[in-house]
Amino acid sequence: MARHLLAGILIALIIAPRIGRPLEAVSAAAQRVADGDLSARIDAKAGGVGETANLIDSFNRMASSLERFQRQSVESSAAIAHELRTPLTILQGRLQGMVEGVFETKPRDLEGLIDQVESLSRIVSDLNIVSLAQAGRLSVHQEPVWLEESMASLLHTVMPDLEKAGLIVEADLRPANGFADASRVRQAALVLIENVKRHAAAGGSIRVETGVDDRQAFIRVLDRGPGINPDTVDRMFEPFWRSEASRSRATGGSGLGLSVVASIASAHGGSVSAAPRDGGGAVFELRLPRS
């Protein structure tokens, strides 16, 4: 009996430090995180076996996620402030000038101010969509919808603007019975079309396709513009991301458009992708459930 007791004590003396030290390291790192230091990590040298090792790994992954979330929040706040600053500065300056008599109150000037207000409204609307989607609260009213009819109507509406931009419009609208929120899908498709008009009008053409395959319906928007860098495809649908060629707000938009498309696609249980087009240009594809 004494021999068994002695053996148990020896085993406890050997194992206790292997469990205690890692738990002390976890406790210390957790305190640093609680104090606001999200860079705190537990060194692998802290040891640990079995469940203790899993605890250390889970803690480090949690801390990394928190640090990444904090960084993204700071970057998003700065980007939002940047996007709102330009139209607000223009509005404030022009209105102050009108009050002080520096600028005459002409209809053309007022139209310009209305454009800035509309720009602010679009940014706020896009931010609302992206924020709701990230919180899993973007609601869509899905019902059977013929995507080819919806796209034909949209193209009819935007045709004058596309032709004014020098774009030749091609369409191959095949039957596509989707199960979707028609207004949200129209909004997403319009973003893709506007994206071509802004970035790829020099290519001279835009092509819109609809169709079905397997269990999904799709809308494709194709252009002959400068194309897509394969290294940046994964980032194109992130909020506020712009390619190096379109960093300025004047030529690159708010940086929210494609993230709005991704948010709408995700809310439908669908997806959106981008890829280089054979022969030059880009292909954007929005995929939705079939009815």
Protein backbone atom coordinates (compact mmCIF):
# COMPACT_ATOMS: atom_id res chain seq x y z
CA MET A 1 0.00 0.00 0.00
CA ALA A 2 2.77 2.41 0.98
CA ARG A 3 4.60 1.45 -2.18
CA HIS A 4 1.53 2.40 -4.30
CA LEU A 5 1.13 5.65 -2.43
CA LEU A 6 4.79 6.54 -2.98
CA ALA A 7 4.47 5.76 -6.67
CA GLY A 8 1.39 7.96 -6.92
CA ILE A 9 3.19 10.84 -5.23
CA LEU A 10 6.17 10.52 -7.59
CA ILE A 11 3.89 10.49 -10.65
CA ALA A 12 2.04 13.55 -9.34
CA LEU A 13 5.34 15.40 -8.78
CA ILE A 14 6.37 14.67 -12.36
CA ILE A 15 3.03 15.48 -14.04
CA ALA A 16 1.95 18.48 -11.95
CA PRO A 17 4.60 20.88 -13.35
CA ARG A 18 3.76 19.77 -16.90
CA ILE A 19 0.15 20.80 -16.29
CA GLY A 20 0.70 23.71 -13.93
CA ARG A 21 3.25 25.68 -16.00
CA PRO A 22 1.12 25.75 -19.17
CA LEU A 23 -1.96 26.76 -17.18
CA GLU A 24 0.02 29.58 -15.53
CA ALA A 25 1.11 30.71 -19.01
CA VAL A 26 -2.51 30.68 -20.20
CA SER A 27 -3.60 32.68 -17.16
CA ALA A 28 -0.85 35.29 -17.68
CA ALA A 29 -1.62 35.66 -21.39
CA ALA A 30 -5.36 35.92 -20.69
CA GLN A 31 -4.67 38.73 -18.23
CA ARG A 32 -2.66 40.61 -20.86
CA VAL A 33 -5.52 40.27 -23.34
CA ALA A 34 -7.98 41.48 -20.69
CA ASP A 35 -5.73 44.53 -20.18
CA GLY A 36 -5.94 45.31 -23.91
CA ASP A 37 -2.76 43.67 -25.21
CA LEU A 38 -4.16 41.59 -28.08
CA SER A 39 -0.65 40.65 -29.21
CA ALA A 40 -0.30 38.30 -26.23
CA ARG A 41 0.50 34.72 -27.21
CA ILE A 42 1.57 31.62 -25.32
CA ASP A 43 5.00 30.37 -26.29
CA ALA A 44 5.07 26.78 -27.50
CA LYS A 45 7.92 26.26 -25.02
CA ALA A 46 5.32 26.47 -22.27
CA GLY A 47 4.77 22.81 -22.97
CA GLY A 48 1.54 21.00 -22.34
CA VAL A 49 0.21 17.70 -23.56
CA GLY A 50 -3.21 16.47 -24.59
CA GLU A 51 -6.01 18.83 -23.56
CA THR A 52 -3.53 21.37 -22.20
CA ALA A 53 -1.80 21.63 -25.58
CA ASN A 54 -5.19 22.04 -27.26
CA LEU A 55 -6.04 24.80 -24.79
CA ILE A 56 -2.84 26.68 -25.65
CA ASP A 57 -3.45 26.33 -29.38
CA SER A 58 -7.08 27.49 -29.04
CA PHE A 59 -6.04 30.48 -26.96
CA ASN A 60 -3.43 31.59 -29.50
CA ARG A 61 -5.91 31.26 -32.37
CA MET A 62 -8.51 33.23 -30.41
CA ALA A 63 -6.00 36.00 -29.65
CA SER A 64 -4.99 36.15 -33.32
CA SER A 65 -8.63 36.47 -34.35
CA LEU A 66 -9.24 39.26 -31.84
CA GLU A 67 -6.14 41.12 -32.99
CA ARG A 68 -7.16 40.77 -36.65
CA PHE A 69 -10.70 41.95 -35.87
CA GLN A 70 -9.36 44.98 -34.01
CA ARG A 71 -7.06 45.87 -36.92
CA GLN A 72 -9.88 45.52 -39.44
CA SER A 73 -12.15 47.69 -37.29
CA VAL A 74 -9.55 50.45 -37.11
CA GLU A 75 -8.89 50.25 -40.86
CA SER A 76 -12.62 50.26 -41.66
CA SER A 77 -13.23 53.28 -39.44
CA ALA A 78 -10.41 55.18 -41.14
CA ALA A 79 -11.71 54.20 -44.59
CA ILE A 80 -15.27 55.26 -43.73
CA ALA A 81 -14.02 58.62 -42.49
CA HIS A 82 -12.00 59.06 -45.69
CA GLU A 83 -14.95 58.23 -47.96
CA LEU A 84 -17.31 60.61 -46.15
CA ARG A 85 -14.80 63.43 -45.83
CA THR A 86 -14.65 64.37 -49.54
CA PRO A 87 -18.36 64.95 -50.24
CA LEU A 88 -18.87 66.56 -46.83
CA THR A 89 -15.96 68.97 -47.39
CA ILE A 90 -17.35 69.95 -50.80
CA LEU A 91 -20.83 70.47 -49.39
CA GLN A 92 -19.58 72.53 -46.47
CA GLY A 93 -17.31 74.70 -48.62
CA ARG A 94 -19.87 75.42 -51.33
CA LEU A 95 -22.74 76.09 -48.91
CA GLN A 96 -20.56 78.37 -46.77
CA GLY A 97 -19.50 80.22 -49.91
CA MET A 98 -23.14 80.69 -50.94
CA VAL A 99 -24.07 82.01 -47.49
CA GLU A 100 -21.18 84.49 -47.57
CA GLY A 101 -21.92 85.55 -51.14
CA VAL A 102 -18.66 84.18 -52.54
CA PHE A 103 -20.56 81.84 -54.90
CA GLU A 104 -23.70 82.66 -56.80
CA THR A 105 -26.63 80.36 -56.21
CA LYS A 106 -27.00 78.96 -59.72
CA PRO A 107 -29.08 75.90 -60.64
CA ARG A 108 -25.96 74.16 -61.98
CA ASP A 109 -24.16 74.65 -58.66
CA LEU A 110 -27.13 73.31 -56.74
CA GLU A 111 -27.23 70.25 -59.00
CA GLY A 112 -23.59 69.62 -58.12
CA LEU A 113 -24.41 69.76 -54.42
CA ILE A 114 -27.29 67.34 -54.93
CA ASP A 115 -24.81 64.97 -56.60
CA GLN A 116 -22.65 65.10 -53.48
CA VAL A 117 -25.67 64.35 -51.28
CA GLU A 118 -26.53 61.39 -53.50
CA SER A 119 -22.94 60.20 -53.20
CA LEU A 120 -23.22 60.32 -49.42
CA SER A 121 -26.51 58.42 -49.58
CA ARG A 122 -24.94 55.67 -51.70
CA ILE A 123 -22.02 55.30 -49.33
CA VAL A 124 -24.33 55.08 -46.29
CA SER A 125 -26.58 52.57 -48.08
CA ASP A 126 -23.62 50.41 -49.10
CA LEU A 127 -22.18 50.54 -45.59
CA ASN A 128 -25.54 49.45 -44.20
CA ILE A 129 -25.71 46.44 -46.53
CA VAL A 130 -22.16 45.32 -45.78
CA SER A 131 -22.60 45.81 -42.02
CA LEU A 132 -25.86 43.86 -41.93
CA ALA A 133 -24.30 41.06 -43.98
CA GLN A 134 -21.29 40.82 -41.67
CA ALA A 135 -23.67 40.56 -38.72
CA GLY A 136 -25.71 37.90 -40.53
CA ARG A 137 -28.77 40.18 -40.55
CA LEU A 138 -29.12 41.19 -44.20
CA SER A 139 -32.65 40.12 -45.06
CA VAL A 140 -33.70 39.04 -48.54
CA HIS A 141 -37.20 38.11 -49.71
CA GLN A 142 -36.57 35.13 -51.95
CA GLU A 143 -39.14 34.00 -54.46
CA PRO A 144 -39.11 32.52 -57.98
CA VAL A 145 -37.71 35.07 -60.42
CA TRP A 146 -36.69 34.88 -64.08
CA LEU A 147 -33.23 36.43 -64.10
CA GLU A 148 -33.15 36.91 -67.87
CA GLU A 149 -36.23 39.14 -67.71
CA SER A 150 -34.80 41.13 -64.79
CA MET A 151 -31.51 41.67 -66.63
CA ALA A 152 -33.26 42.64 -69.87
CA SER A 153 -35.16 45.32 -67.96
CA LEU A 154 -31.99 46.54 -66.23
CA LEU A 155 -30.04 46.75 -69.49
CA HIS A 156 -32.85 48.73 -71.09
CA THR A 157 -32.62 51.23 -68.23
CA VAL A 158 -28.84 51.68 -68.25
CA MET A 159 -28.31 51.42 -72.01
CA PRO A 160 -28.10 55.22 -72.59
CA ASP A 161 -25.37 55.59 -69.94
CA LEU A 162 -23.40 52.64 -71.30
CA GLU A 163 -23.57 53.95 -74.87
CA LYS A 164 -22.57 57.40 -73.64
CA ALA A 165 -19.49 55.78 -72.07
CA GLY A 166 -18.65 54.32 -75.51
CA LEU A 167 -19.55 50.74 -74.64
CA ILE A 168 -21.06 48.29 -77.10
CA VAL A 169 -23.58 46.16 -75.21
CA GLU A 170 -23.94 42.46 -75.93
CA ALA A 171 -26.44 40.17 -74.25
CA ASP A 172 -27.03 36.43 -74.15
CA LEU A 173 -29.98 36.15 -71.79
CA ARG A 174 -30.97 32.52 -71.57
CA PRO A 175 -33.76 31.27 -69.29
CA ALA A 176 -32.60 31.34 -65.66
CA ASN A 177 -35.15 30.49 -63.01
CA GLY A 178 -33.64 31.80 -59.82
CA PHE A 179 -34.92 31.80 -56.26
CA ALA A 180 -33.97 35.28 -55.17
CA ASP A 181 -34.88 38.78 -54.06
CA ALA A 182 -35.36 40.49 -57.43
CA SER A 183 -34.56 44.00 -56.17
CA ARG A 184 -31.37 42.88 -54.40
CA VAL A 185 -30.21 40.92 -57.45
CA ARG A 186 -30.87 43.94 -59.65
CA GLN A 187 -28.83 46.05 -57.22
CA ALA A 188 -25.90 43.59 -57.35
CA ALA A 189 -26.02 43.34 -61.16
CA LEU A 190 -26.06 47.13 -61.45
CA VAL A 191 -22.90 47.32 -59.33
CA LEU A 192 -21.16 44.86 -61.67
CA ILE A 193 -22.24 46.86 -64.72
CA GLU A 194 -21.16 50.15 -63.15
CA ASN A 195 -17.86 48.52 -62.29
CA VAL A 196 -17.26 47.83 -65.99
CA LYS A 197 -18.26 51.36 -66.95
CA ARG A 198 -15.84 52.81 -64.41
CA HIS A 199 -12.83 50.56 -64.88
CA ALA A 200 -13.12 48.84 -68.25
CA ALA A 201 -14.90 51.23 -70.61
CA ALA A 202 -11.66 51.51 -72.60
CA GLY A 203 -12.22 47.90 -73.66
CA GLY A 204 -15.16 49.07 -75.74
CA SER A 205 -17.70 46.38 -74.87
CA ILE A 206 -19.73 44.79 -72.11
CA ARG A 207 -21.52 41.47 -72.26
CA VAL A 208 -24.23 40.25 -69.91
CA GLU A 209 -25.26 36.59 -69.75
CA THR A 210 -27.80 34.61 -67.77
CA GLY A 211 -28.36 30.87 -67.54
CA VAL A 212 -28.47 27.81 -65.31
CA ASP A 213 -26.26 24.84 -64.61
CA ASP A 214 -26.71 22.02 -62.12
CA ARG A 215 -28.61 23.50 -59.18
CA GLN A 216 -27.75 27.20 -59.62
CA ALA A 217 -28.70 30.12 -61.80
CA PHE A 218 -26.10 32.69 -62.81
CA ILE A 219 -25.57 36.20 -64.07
CA ARG A 220 -22.28 36.96 -65.80
CA VAL A 221 -20.87 40.37 -66.66
CA LEU A 222 -17.89 40.28 -69.06
CA ASP A 223 -15.67 43.06 -70.35
CA ARG A 224 -12.58 43.64 -72.50
CA GLY A 225 -10.89 46.01 -70.09
CA PRO A 226 -7.44 45.77 -68.46
CA GLY A 227 -8.30 42.44 -66.82
CA ILE A 228 -7.67 41.12 -63.33
CA ASN A 229 -4.49 40.40 -61.44
CA PRO A 230 -4.92 36.78 -60.23
CA ASP A 231 -3.00 37.69 -57.06
CA THR A 232 -5.69 40.17 -56.02
CA VAL A 233 -8.84 38.18 -56.85
CA ASP A 234 -9.32 37.03 -53.24
CA ARG A 235 -9.27 40.63 -51.99
CA MET A 236 -11.50 42.24 -54.61
CA PHE A 237 -14.67 41.68 -52.61
CA GLU A 238 -13.33 43.09 -49.34
CA PRO A 239 -14.80 46.43 -48.20
CA PHE A 240 -12.75 49.49 -49.24
CA TRP A 241 -10.20 47.48 -51.21
CA ARG A 242 -8.98 49.01 -54.47
CA SER A 243 -6.41 47.86 -56.98
CA GLU A 244 -3.23 49.90 -57.28
CA ALA A 245 -4.52 51.27 -60.60
CA SER A 246 -7.58 52.86 -58.99
CA ARG A 247 -6.57 54.07 -55.56
CA SER A 248 -8.20 57.48 -55.88
CA ARG A 249 -11.83 57.87 -54.99
CA ALA A 250 -12.42 59.90 -58.16
CA THR A 251 -11.62 56.95 -60.42
CA GLY A 252 -12.05 54.02 -58.08
CA GLY A 253 -15.42 54.66 -56.47
CA SER A 254 -15.94 54.18 -52.76
CA GLY A 255 -14.37 50.73 -52.67
CA LEU A 256 -17.62 49.26 -51.37
CA GLY A 257 -19.35 48.15 -54.58
CA LEU A 258 -17.99 44.62 -54.96
CA SER A 259 -18.33 43.95 -51.24
CA VAL A 260 -22.03 44.87 -51.60
CA VAL A 261 -22.33 42.25 -54.37
CA ALA A 262 -20.63 39.66 -52.17
CA SER A 263 -22.94 40.53 -49.27
CA ILE A 264 -26.06 40.14 -51.40
CA ALA A 265 -24.82 36.86 -52.87
CA SER A 266 -24.03 35.46 -49.40
CA ALA A 267 -27.45 36.47 -48.05
CA HIS A 268 -29.02 34.38 -50.84
CA GLY A 269 -26.83 31.37 -50.11
CA GLY A 270 -25.04 32.07 -53.39
CA SER A 271 -21.61 33.36 -54.36
CA VAL A 272 -19.77 35.84 -56.56
CA SER A 273 -16.45 35.36 -58.30
CA ALA A 274 -14.07 37.15 -60.63
CA ALA A 275 -11.64 35.73 -63.17
CA PRO A 276 -9.61 36.79 -66.21
CA ARG A 277 -11.52 36.49 -69.49
CA ASP A 278 -10.10 34.52 -72.39
CA GLY A 279 -8.72 36.99 -74.90
CA GLY A 280 -8.41 39.78 -72.33
CA GLY A 281 -10.70 41.44 -69.84
CA ALA A 282 -12.59 40.10 -66.85
CA VAL A 283 -15.56 37.91 -65.98
CA PHE A 284 -17.72 38.52 -62.91
CA GLU A 285 -20.21 35.80 -62.06
CA LEU A 286 -23.06 36.01 -59.56
CA ARG A 287 -24.49 32.58 -58.69
CA LEU A 288 -27.88 32.12 -57.01
CA PRO A 289 -30.12 29.22 -56.00
CA ARG A 290 -32.58 27.95 -58.60
CA SER A 291 -36.27 27.99 -57.88
